[in-house]
Amino acid sequence: MATTPKAVALKYDQDNDRVPTVIAKGKGLIAERIMQKAGDFGIPLFKNELLADSLL
């Protein structure tokens, strides 16, 4: 059985931010769209299911 895709987008500027900020999150089609947009803009993807579950 396939698992539902999950995605969390974080923003972090080491010069201005003390911690990363969640700017988008979702499951299913929303997660797929977040990952597609990241790829379109050359933003690296990092797979960590436990972290994604914690942030969702």
PDB file of N, CA and C in Angstrom:
ATOM      1  N   MET A   1       0.841  -1.181   0.000  1.00  0.00           N
ATOM      2  CA  MET A   1       0.000   0.000   0.000  1.00  0.00           C
ATOM      3  C   MET A   1       0.887   1.246   0.000  1.00  0.00           C
ATOM      4  N   ALA A   2       0.583   2.175  -0.876  1.00  0.00           N
ATOM      5  CA  ALA A   2       1.373   3.404  -0.990  1.00  0.00           C
ATOM      6  C   ALA A   2       1.044   4.363   0.150  1.00  0.00           C
ATOM      7  N   THR A   3       2.069   5.060   0.610  1.00  0.00           N
ATOM      8  CA  THR A   3       1.846   6.051   1.665  1.00  0.00           C
ATOM      9  C   THR A   3       1.486   7.394   1.044  1.00  0.00           C
ATOM     10  N   THR A   4       0.783   8.204   1.791  1.00  0.00           N
ATOM     11  CA  THR A   4       0.405   9.540   1.338  1.00  0.00           C
ATOM     12  C   THR A   4       1.633  10.443   1.390  1.00  0.00           C
ATOM     13  N   PRO A   5       1.934  11.151   0.286  1.00  0.00           N
ATOM     14  CA  PRO A   5       3.083  12.054   0.314  1.00  0.00           C
ATOM     15  C   PRO A   5       2.874  13.175   1.333  1.00  0.00           C
ATOM     16  N   LYS A   6       3.966  13.591   1.946  1.00  0.00           N
ATOM     17  CA  LYS A   6       3.941  14.685   2.913  1.00  0.00           C
ATOM     18  C   LYS A   6       5.083  15.625   2.578  1.00  0.00           C
ATOM     19  N   ALA A   7       4.879  16.926   2.789  1.00  0.00           N
ATOM     20  CA  ALA A   7       5.952  17.891   2.531  1.00  0.00           C
ATOM     21  C   ALA A   7       5.823  19.074   3.479  1.00  0.00           C
ATOM     22  N   VAL A   8       6.976  19.568   3.896  1.00  0.00           N
ATOM     23  CA  VAL A   8       7.054  20.777   4.710  1.00  0.00           C
ATOM     24  C   VAL A   8       8.146  21.645   4.093  1.00  0.00           C
ATOM     25  N   ALA A   9       7.817  22.894   3.780  1.00  0.00           N
ATOM     26  CA  ALA A   9       8.795  23.827   3.222  1.00  0.00           C
ATOM     27  C   ALA A   9       9.262  24.763   4.326  1.00  0.00           C
ATOM     28  N   LEU A  10      10.587  24.864   4.443  1.00  0.00           N
ATOM     29  CA  LEU A  10      11.184  25.719   5.461  1.00  0.00           C
ATOM     30  C   LEU A  10      11.955  26.855   4.803  1.00  0.00           C
ATOM     31  N   LYS A  11      11.952  28.012   5.463  1.00  0.00           N
ATOM     32  CA  LYS A  11      12.748  29.163   5.027  1.00  0.00           C
ATOM     33  C   LYS A  11      13.752  29.454   6.127  1.00  0.00           C
ATOM     34  N   TYR A  12      15.012  29.688   5.713  1.00  0.00           N
ATOM     35  CA  TYR A  12      16.030  30.024   6.708  1.00  0.00           C
ATOM     36  C   TYR A  12      17.098  30.893   6.069  1.00  0.00           C
ATOM     37  N   ASP A  13      17.337  32.040   6.652  1.00  0.00           N
ATOM     38  CA  ASP A  13      18.402  32.952   6.235  1.00  0.00           C
ATOM     39  C   ASP A  13      19.320  33.115   7.438  1.00  0.00           C
ATOM     40  N   GLN A  14      20.509  32.542   7.362  1.00  0.00           N
ATOM     41  CA  GLN A  14      21.375  32.521   8.541  1.00  0.00           C
ATOM     42  C   GLN A  14      21.772  33.912   9.023  1.00  0.00           C
ATOM     43  N   ASP A  15      21.678  34.921   8.155  1.00  0.00           N
ATOM     44  CA  ASP A  15      22.017  36.284   8.570  1.00  0.00           C
ATOM     45  C   ASP A  15      20.875  36.973   9.306  1.00  0.00           C
ATOM     46  N   ASN A  16      19.635  36.533   9.062  1.00  0.00           N
ATOM     47  CA  ASN A  16      18.477  37.235   9.630  1.00  0.00           C
ATOM     48  C   ASN A  16      17.582  36.393  10.529  1.00  0.00           C
ATOM     49  N   ASP A  17      17.657  35.082  10.424  1.00  0.00           N
ATOM     50  CA  ASP A  17      16.745  34.210  11.167  1.00  0.00           C
ATOM     51  C   ASP A  17      17.503  33.424  12.232  1.00  0.00           C
ATOM     52  N   ARG A  18      16.893  33.319  13.410  1.00  0.00           N
ATOM     53  CA  ARG A  18      17.491  32.498  14.467  1.00  0.00           C
ATOM     54  C   ARG A  18      17.146  31.026  14.274  1.00  0.00           C
ATOM     55  N   VAL A  19      15.963  30.757  13.747  1.00  0.00           N
ATOM     56  CA  VAL A  19      15.514  29.383  13.503  1.00  0.00           C
ATOM     57  C   VAL A  19      14.778  29.333  12.166  1.00  0.00           C
ATOM     58  N   PRO A  20      14.695  28.160  11.540  1.00  0.00           N
ATOM     59  CA  PRO A  20      13.916  28.029  10.308  1.00  0.00           C
ATOM     60  C   PRO A  20      12.431  28.298  10.563  1.00  0.00           C
ATOM     61  N   THR A  21      11.746  28.784   9.533  1.00  0.00           N
ATOM     62  CA  THR A  21      10.321  29.073   9.595  1.00  0.00           C
ATOM     63  C   THR A  21       9.578  28.174   8.613  1.00  0.00           C
ATOM     64  N   VAL A  22       8.484  27.555   9.049  1.00  0.00           N
ATOM     65  CA  VAL A  22       7.639  26.760   8.157  1.00  0.00           C
ATOM     66  C   VAL A  22       6.852  27.731   7.282  1.00  0.00           C
ATOM     67  N   ILE A  23       7.012  27.614   5.955  1.00  0.00           N
ATOM     68  CA  ILE A  23       6.292  28.507   5.049  1.00  0.00           C
ATOM     69  C   ILE A  23       5.200  27.791   4.261  1.00  0.00           C
ATOM     70  N   ALA A  24       5.238  26.464   4.235  1.00  0.00           N
ATOM     71  CA  ALA A  24       4.182  25.685   3.577  1.00  0.00           C
ATOM     72  C   ALA A  24       4.253  24.257   4.093  1.00  0.00           C
ATOM     73  N   LYS A  25       3.088  23.616   4.161  1.00  0.00           N
ATOM     74  CA  LYS A  25       3.057  22.208   4.550  1.00  0.00           C
ATOM     75  C   LYS A  25       1.786  21.583   4.022  1.00  0.00           C
ATOM     76  N   GLY A  26       1.843  20.294   3.754  1.00  0.00           N
ATOM     77  CA  GLY A  26       0.656  19.627   3.260  1.00  0.00           C
ATOM     78  C   GLY A  26       0.867  18.143   3.050  1.00  0.00           C
ATOM     79  N   LYS A  27      -0.244  17.476   2.774  1.00  0.00           N
ATOM     80  CA  LYS A  27      -0.257  16.039   2.488  1.00  0.00           C
ATOM     81  C   LYS A  27      -0.947  15.827   1.150  1.00  0.00           C
ATOM     82  N   GLY A  28      -0.681  14.694   0.534  1.00  0.00           N
ATOM     83  CA  GLY A  28      -1.349  14.344  -0.716  1.00  0.00           C
ATOM     84  C   GLY A  28      -0.985  15.281  -1.855  1.00  0.00           C
ATOM     85  N   LEU A  29      -1.996  15.783  -2.550  1.00  0.00           N
ATOM     86  CA  LEU A  29      -1.772  16.646  -3.713  1.00  0.00           C
ATOM     87  C   LEU A  29      -1.048  17.933  -3.345  1.00  0.00           C
ATOM     88  N   ILE A  30      -1.335  18.481  -2.173  1.00  0.00           N
ATOM     89  CA  ILE A  30      -0.651  19.701  -1.736  1.00  0.00           C
ATOM     90  C   ILE A  30       0.843  19.414  -1.566  1.00  0.00           C
ATOM     91  N   ALA A  31       1.187  18.296  -0.954  1.00  0.00           N
ATOM     92  CA  ALA A  31       2.594  17.917  -0.779  1.00  0.00           C
ATOM     93  C   ALA A  31       3.280  17.742  -2.133  1.00  0.00           C
ATOM     94  N   GLU A  32       2.601  17.100  -3.060  1.00  0.00           N
ATOM     95  CA  GLU A  32       3.174  16.910  -4.393  1.00  0.00           C
ATOM     96  C   GLU A  32       3.446  18.250  -5.059  1.00  0.00           C
ATOM     97  N   ARG A  33       2.537  19.185  -4.904  1.00  0.00           N
ATOM     98  CA  ARG A  33       2.702  20.522  -5.496  1.00  0.00           C
ATOM     99  C   ARG A  33       3.872  21.271  -4.847  1.00  0.00           C
ATOM    100  N   ILE A  34       3.996  21.171  -3.524  1.00  0.00           N
ATOM    101  CA  ILE A  34       5.117  21.809  -2.823  1.00  0.00           C
ATOM    102  C   ILE A  34       6.440  21.257  -3.360  1.00  0.00           C
ATOM    103  N   MET A  35       6.531  19.934  -3.501  1.00  0.00           N
ATOM    104  CA  MET A  35       7.763  19.312  -3.986  1.00  0.00           C
ATOM    105  C   MET A  35       8.039  19.677  -5.443  1.00  0.00           C
ATOM    106  N   GLN A  36       6.973  19.764  -6.253  1.00  0.00           N
ATOM    107  CA  GLN A  36       7.134  20.147  -7.651  1.00  0.00           C
ATOM    108  C   GLN A  36       7.681  21.567  -7.753  1.00  0.00           C
ATOM    109  N   LYS A  37       7.116  22.490  -6.982  1.00  0.00           N
ATOM    110  CA  LYS A  37       7.563  23.887  -7.005  1.00  0.00           C
ATOM    111  C   LYS A  37       9.007  24.003  -6.530  1.00  0.00           C
ATOM    112  N   ALA A  38       9.367  23.247  -5.504  1.00  0.00           N
ATOM    113  CA  ALA A  38      10.755  23.262  -5.024  1.00  0.00           C
ATOM    114  C   ALA A  38      11.692  22.839  -6.152  1.00  0.00           C
ATOM    115  N   GLY A  39      11.329  21.777  -6.850  1.00  0.00           N
ATOM    116  CA  GLY A  39      12.139  21.315  -7.973  1.00  0.00           C
ATOM    117  C   GLY A  39      12.224  22.340  -9.087  1.00  0.00           C
ATOM    118  N   ASP A  40      11.102  23.002  -9.376  1.00  0.00           N
ATOM    119  CA  ASP A  40      11.076  24.025 -10.424  1.00  0.00           C
ATOM    120  C   ASP A  40      12.062  25.154 -10.137  1.00  0.00           C
ATOM    121  N   PHE A  41      12.252  25.478  -8.871  1.00  0.00           N
ATOM    122  CA  PHE A  41      13.119  26.583  -8.478  1.00  0.00           C
ATOM    123  C   PHE A  41      14.502  26.124  -8.012  1.00  0.00           C
ATOM    124  N   GLY A  42      14.801  24.841  -8.183  1.00  0.00           N
ATOM    125  CA  GLY A  42      16.115  24.332  -7.814  1.00  0.00           C
ATOM    126  C   GLY A  42      16.361  24.268  -6.316  1.00  0.00           C
ATOM    127  N   ILE A  43      15.286  24.215  -5.551  1.00  0.00           N
ATOM    128  CA  ILE A  43      15.395  24.123  -4.096  1.00  0.00           C
ATOM    129  C   ILE A  43      15.612  22.659  -3.732  1.00  0.00           C
ATOM    130  N   PRO A  44      16.654  22.365  -2.957  1.00  0.00           N
ATOM    131  CA  PRO A  44      16.925  20.965  -2.620  1.00  0.00           C
ATOM    132  C   PRO A  44      15.839  20.356  -1.742  1.00  0.00           C
ATOM    133  N   LEU A  45      15.594  19.071  -1.953  1.00  0.00           N
ATOM    134  CA  LEU A  45      14.634  18.323  -1.144  1.00  0.00           C
ATOM    135  C   LEU A  45      15.405  17.412  -0.201  1.00  0.00           C
ATOM    136  N   PHE A  46      14.940  17.317   1.021  1.00  0.00           N
ATOM    137  CA  PHE A  46      15.561  16.474   2.040  1.00  0.00           C
ATOM    138  C   PHE A  46      14.482  15.569   2.590  1.00  0.00           C
ATOM    139  N   LYS A  47      14.693  14.268   2.519  1.00  0.00           N
ATOM    140  CA  LYS A  47      13.681  13.314   2.970  1.00  0.00           C
ATOM    141  C   LYS A  47      13.937  12.920   4.419  1.00  0.00           C
ATOM    142  N   ASN A  48      12.969  13.245   5.282  1.00  0.00           N
ATOM    143  CA  ASN A  48      13.027  12.853   6.690  1.00  0.00           C
ATOM    144  C   ASN A  48      11.585  12.742   7.174  1.00  0.00           C
ATOM    145  N   GLU A  49      11.044  11.539   7.104  1.00  0.00           N
ATOM    146  CA  GLU A  49       9.630  11.319   7.413  1.00  0.00           C
ATOM    147  C   GLU A  49       9.282  11.678   8.858  1.00  0.00           C
ATOM    148  N   LEU A  50      10.168  11.363   9.793  1.00  0.00           N
ATOM    149  CA  LEU A  50       9.894  11.689  11.202  1.00  0.00           C
ATOM    150  C   LEU A  50       9.815  13.197  11.418  1.00  0.00           C
ATOM    151  N   LEU A  51      10.719  13.946  10.796  1.00  0.00           N
ATOM    152  CA  LEU A  51      10.693  15.401  10.923  1.00  0.00           C
ATOM    153  C   LEU A  51       9.436  15.973  10.278  1.00  0.00           C
ATOM    154  N   ALA A  52       9.087  15.480   9.089  1.00  0.00           N
ATOM    155  CA  ALA A  52       7.876  15.957   8.419  1.00  0.00           C
ATOM    156  C   ALA A  52       6.645  15.695   9.280  1.00  0.00           C
ATOM    157  N   ASP A  53       6.552  14.505   9.849  1.00  0.00           N
ATOM    158  CA  ASP A  53       5.416  14.188  10.721  1.00  0.00           C
ATOM    159  C   ASP A  53       5.364  15.128  11.922  1.00  0.00           C
ATOM    160  N   SER A  54       6.508  15.460  12.473  1.00  0.00           N
ATOM    161  CA  SER A  54       6.556  16.354  13.636  1.00  0.00           C
ATOM    162  C   SER A  54       6.109  17.766  13.289  1.00  0.00           C
ATOM    163  N   LEU A  55       6.416  18.209  12.068  1.00  0.00           N
ATOM    164  CA  LEU A  55       6.099  19.579  11.668  1.00  0.00           C
ATOM    165  C   LEU A  55       4.699  19.736  11.088  1.00  0.00           C
ATOM    166  N   LEU A  56       4.082  18.633  10.683  1.00  0.00           N
ATOM    167  CA  LEU A  56       2.740  18.723  10.096  1.00  0.00           C
ATOM    168  C   LEU A  56       1.694  18.928  11.139  1.00  0.00           C
TER     169      LEU A  56
END
